[in-house]
C-alpha atoms as a PDB file:
ATOM      1  CA  MET A   1      -3.530  46.771  50.359  1.00  0.00           C
ATOM      2  CA  LYS A   2      -4.202  43.852  52.677  1.00  0.00           C
ATOM      3  CA  LYS A   3      -4.640  40.248  51.682  1.00  0.00           C
ATOM      4  CA  TRP A   4      -8.172  38.898  51.313  1.00  0.00           C
ATOM      5  CA  THR A   5      -9.866  42.315  51.459  1.00  0.00           C
ATOM      6  CA  ARG A   6     -10.437  43.560  47.902  1.00  0.00           C
ATOM      7  CA  TRP A   7     -14.056  43.390  46.840  1.00  0.00           C
ATOM      8  CA  GLN A   8     -13.057  43.501  43.171  1.00  0.00           C
ATOM      9  CA  ASP A   9     -11.287  40.164  43.412  1.00  0.00           C
ATOM     10  CA  TYR A  10     -14.168  38.599  45.345  1.00  0.00           C
ATOM     11  CA  ALA A  11     -16.463  39.790  42.546  1.00  0.00           C
ATOM     12  CA  ALA A  12     -14.205  38.201  39.910  1.00  0.00           C
ATOM     13  CA  VAL A  13     -14.202  34.931  41.873  1.00  0.00           C
ATOM     14  CA  ALA A  14     -18.013  35.034  42.122  1.00  0.00           C
ATOM     15  CA  VAL A  15     -18.354  35.694  38.375  1.00  0.00           C
ATOM     16  CA  GLY A  16     -15.971  32.846  37.608  1.00  0.00           C
ATOM     17  CA  LEU A  17     -17.843  30.442  39.866  1.00  0.00           C
ATOM     18  CA  TYR A  18     -21.171  31.459  38.376  1.00  0.00           C
ATOM     19  CA  ALA A  19     -19.904  31.064  34.802  1.00  0.00           C
ATOM     20  CA  ALA A  20     -18.321  27.679  35.490  1.00  0.00           C
ATOM     21  CA  LEU A  21     -21.298  26.307  37.404  1.00  0.00           C
ATOM     22  CA  SER A  22     -23.988  27.797  35.160  1.00  0.00           C
ATOM     23  CA  VAL A  23     -23.372  24.996  32.679  1.00  0.00           C
ATOM     24  CA  LEU A  24     -25.374  22.856  35.100  1.00  0.00           C
ATOM     25  CA  TRP A  25     -28.598  24.865  34.656  1.00  0.00           C
ATOM     26  CA  THR A  26     -28.316  26.615  31.281  1.00  0.00           C
ATOM     27  CA  PRO A  27     -28.748  24.901  27.919  1.00  0.00           C
ATOM     28  CA  GLN A  28     -25.364  24.449  26.249  1.00  0.00           C
ATOM     29  CA  ALA A  29     -24.328  24.238  22.589  1.00  0.00           C
ATOM     30  CA  GLY A  30     -21.108  24.191  20.625  1.00  0.00           C
ATOM     31  CA  MET A  31     -18.151  24.667  22.918  1.00  0.00           C
ATOM     32  CA  SER A  32     -20.117  26.681  25.474  1.00  0.00           C
ATOM     33  CA  ALA A  33     -19.668  24.309  28.413  1.00  0.00           C
ATOM     34  CA  THR A  34     -15.945  23.921  27.800  1.00  0.00           C
ATOM     35  CA  LEU A  35     -15.260  27.625  27.361  1.00  0.00           C
ATOM     36  CA  MET A  36     -17.458  28.681  30.275  1.00  0.00           C
ATOM     37  CA  VAL A  37     -15.866  26.175  32.658  1.00  0.00           C
ATOM     38  CA  ILE A  38     -12.319  27.034  31.538  1.00  0.00           C
ATOM     39  CA  SER A  39     -12.696  30.828  31.545  1.00  0.00           C
ATOM     40  CA  GLY A  40     -14.746  30.726  34.751  1.00  0.00           C
ATOM     41  CA  GLY A  41     -12.146  28.520  36.418  1.00  0.00           C
ATOM     42  CA  LEU A  42      -9.346  30.825  35.302  1.00  0.00           C
ATOM     43  CA  LEU A  43     -11.228  33.790  36.781  1.00  0.00           C
ATOM     44  CA  VAL A  44     -11.594  31.932  40.082  1.00  0.00           C
ATOM     45  CA  VAL A  45      -7.897  31.052  40.199  1.00  0.00           C
ATOM     46  CA  SER A  46      -6.754  34.549  39.231  1.00  0.00           C
ATOM     47  CA  GLY A  47      -9.139  36.117  41.732  1.00  0.00           C
ATOM     48  CA  VAL A  48      -7.816  33.925  44.547  1.00  0.00           C
ATOM     49  CA  VAL A  49      -4.223  34.705  43.537  1.00  0.00           C
ATOM     50  CA  ASN A  50      -5.026  38.437  43.544  1.00  0.00           C
ATOM     51  CA  LEU A  51      -6.704  38.121  46.946  1.00  0.00           C
ATOM     52  CA  ALA A  52      -3.782  36.197  48.440  1.00  0.00           C
ATOM     53  CA  MET A  53      -1.031  38.310  46.853  1.00  0.00           C
ATOM     54  CA  PRO A  54      -2.324  41.830  46.182  1.00  0.00           C
ATOM     55  CA  GLY A  55      -0.161  44.281  44.304  1.00  0.00           C
ATOM     56  CA  MET A  56       0.809  42.043  41.385  1.00  0.00           C
ATOM     57  CA  PRO A  57      -0.171  43.968  38.242  1.00  0.00           C
ATOM     58  CA  ALA A  58       0.604  41.003  35.983  1.00  0.00           C
ATOM     59  CA  ALA A  59      -1.986  38.915  37.843  1.00  0.00           C
ATOM     60  CA  GLU A  60      -4.530  41.712  37.465  1.00  0.00           C
ATOM     61  CA  TRP A  61      -3.886  41.902  33.716  1.00  0.00           C
ATOM     62  CA  ALA A  62      -4.227  38.123  33.465  1.00  0.00           C
ATOM     63  CA  GLN A  63      -7.614  38.444  35.166  1.00  0.00           C
ATOM     64  CA  VAL A  64      -8.647  41.031  32.562  1.00  0.00           C
ATOM     65  CA  VAL A  65      -7.642  38.615  29.802  1.00  0.00           C
ATOM     66  CA  PHE A  66      -9.719  35.833  31.392  1.00  0.00           C
ATOM     67  CA  GLY A  67     -12.708  38.183  31.639  1.00  0.00           C
ATOM     68  CA  LEU A  68     -12.266  39.101  27.967  1.00  0.00           C
ATOM     69  CA  LEU A  69     -12.053  35.401  27.112  1.00  0.00           C
ATOM     70  CA  LEU A  70     -15.353  34.794  28.901  1.00  0.00           C
ATOM     71  CA  PHE A  71     -16.915  37.772  27.092  1.00  0.00           C
ATOM     72  CA  ALA A  72     -15.689  36.583  23.675  1.00  0.00           C
ATOM     73  CA  SER A  73     -16.537  32.921  24.279  1.00  0.00           C
ATOM     74  CA  PRO A  74     -19.956  32.970  22.548  1.00  0.00           C
ATOM     75  CA  TRP A  75     -18.268  34.002  19.299  1.00  0.00           C
ATOM     76  CA  ILE A  76     -15.225  31.760  19.778  1.00  0.00           C
ATOM     77  CA  GLY A  77     -17.320  28.714  20.649  1.00  0.00           C
ATOM     78  CA  SER A  78     -20.227  29.381  18.279  1.00  0.00           C
ATOM     79  CA  TYR A  79     -22.922  29.566  20.906  1.00  0.00           C
ATOM     80  CA  THR A  80     -24.375  33.024  20.360  1.00  0.00           C
ATOM     81  CA  GLU A  81     -27.723  31.357  19.576  1.00  0.00           C
ATOM     82  CA  GLN A  82     -27.860  29.809  23.064  1.00  0.00           C
ATOM     83  CA  THR A  83     -29.361  32.817  24.790  1.00  0.00           C
ATOM     84  CA  ALA A  84     -28.785  31.886  28.439  1.00  0.00           C
ATOM     85  CA  ALA A  85     -25.216  30.688  27.928  1.00  0.00           C
ATOM     86  CA  SER A  86     -24.211  33.603  25.719  1.00  0.00           C
ATOM     87  CA  TRP A  87     -25.722  36.233  28.020  1.00  0.00           C
ATOM     88  CA  THR A  88     -24.059  34.600  31.014  1.00  0.00           C
ATOM     89  CA  SER A  89     -20.727  34.856  29.201  1.00  0.00           C
ATOM     90  CA  TRP A  90     -21.252  38.433  28.007  1.00  0.00           C
ATOM     91  CA  ILE A  91     -22.492  39.817  31.313  1.00  0.00           C
ATOM     92  CA  GLY A  92     -20.039  37.840  33.419  1.00  0.00           C
ATOM     93  CA  GLY A  93     -17.105  38.783  31.207  1.00  0.00           C
ATOM     94  CA  ALA A  94     -18.065  42.463  31.246  1.00  0.00           C
ATOM     95  CA  ILE A  95     -18.382  42.461  35.040  1.00  0.00           C
ATOM     96  CA  ALA A  96     -15.037  40.694  35.451  1.00  0.00           C
ATOM     97  CA  VAL A  97     -13.271  43.180  33.177  1.00  0.00           C
ATOM     98  CA  ALA A  98     -14.921  46.184  34.857  1.00  0.00           C
ATOM     99  CA  VAL A  99     -14.137  45.168  38.447  1.00  0.00           C
ATOM    100  CA  THR A 100     -10.592  44.186  37.548  1.00  0.00           C
ATOM    101  CA  ALA A 101     -10.063  47.481  35.724  1.00  0.00           C
ATOM    102  CA  ALA A 102     -11.023  49.207  38.975  1.00  0.00           C
ATOM    103  CA  ALA A 103      -8.348  47.199  40.804  1.00  0.00           C
ATOM    104  CA  ILE A 104      -5.454  47.624  38.381  1.00  0.00           C
ATOM    105  CA  ARG A 105      -4.366  51.132  39.355  1.00  0.00           C
ATOM    106  CA  PRO A 106      -4.161  50.402  43.119  1.00  0.00           C
ATOM    107  CA  SER A 107      -2.254  47.211  42.300  1.00  0.00           C
ATOM    108  CA  ILE A 108       0.261  49.116  40.172  1.00  0.00           C
ATOM    109  CA  GLU A 109       0.664  51.765  42.865  1.00  0.00           C
ATOM    110  CA  MET A 110       1.248  49.096  45.511  1.00  0.00           C
ATOM    111  CA  SER A 111       3.794  47.380  43.284  1.00  0.00           C
ATOM    112  CA  HIS A 112       5.663  50.663  42.728  1.00  0.00           C
ATOM    113  CA  HIS A 113       5.534  51.419  46.452  1.00  0.00           C
ATOM    114  CA  ARG A 114       7.205  48.076  47.224  1.00  0.00           C
ATOM    115  CA  MET A 115       9.977  48.795  44.712  1.00  0.00           C
ATOM    116  CA  MET A 116      10.764  52.231  46.113  1.00  0.00           C
ATOM    117  CA  PRO A 117      13.462  52.244  48.792  1.00  0.00           C
ATOM    118  CA  SER A 118      12.209  53.393  52.172  1.00  0.00           C
ATOM    119  CA  HIS A 119      13.794  56.419  53.793  1.00  0.00           C
END
């Protein structure tokens, strides 16, 4: 796996940016702005880390957690009634989890390959 080439991590970065910036154009309520900016920012950071240093399963799992946080944010922050914000969180979180799930196995395999002594 080469640095800066995995589409899954670019997708997670895009979802994070969209979630964090969407507070500028979607009506917000409760803790929606805070949770969307934080979870979106964490997705951006984890996506960049995964792009720069592929093959770190712990970073991939962290990205899954941040996607789940974004998905659960409408319930955590009591903004399920804010349709645009809640749907942004649900869809964005689901996409982040799905694309990261697709990247976990190759990351684990790369990590194991690095640990194996070469012959």
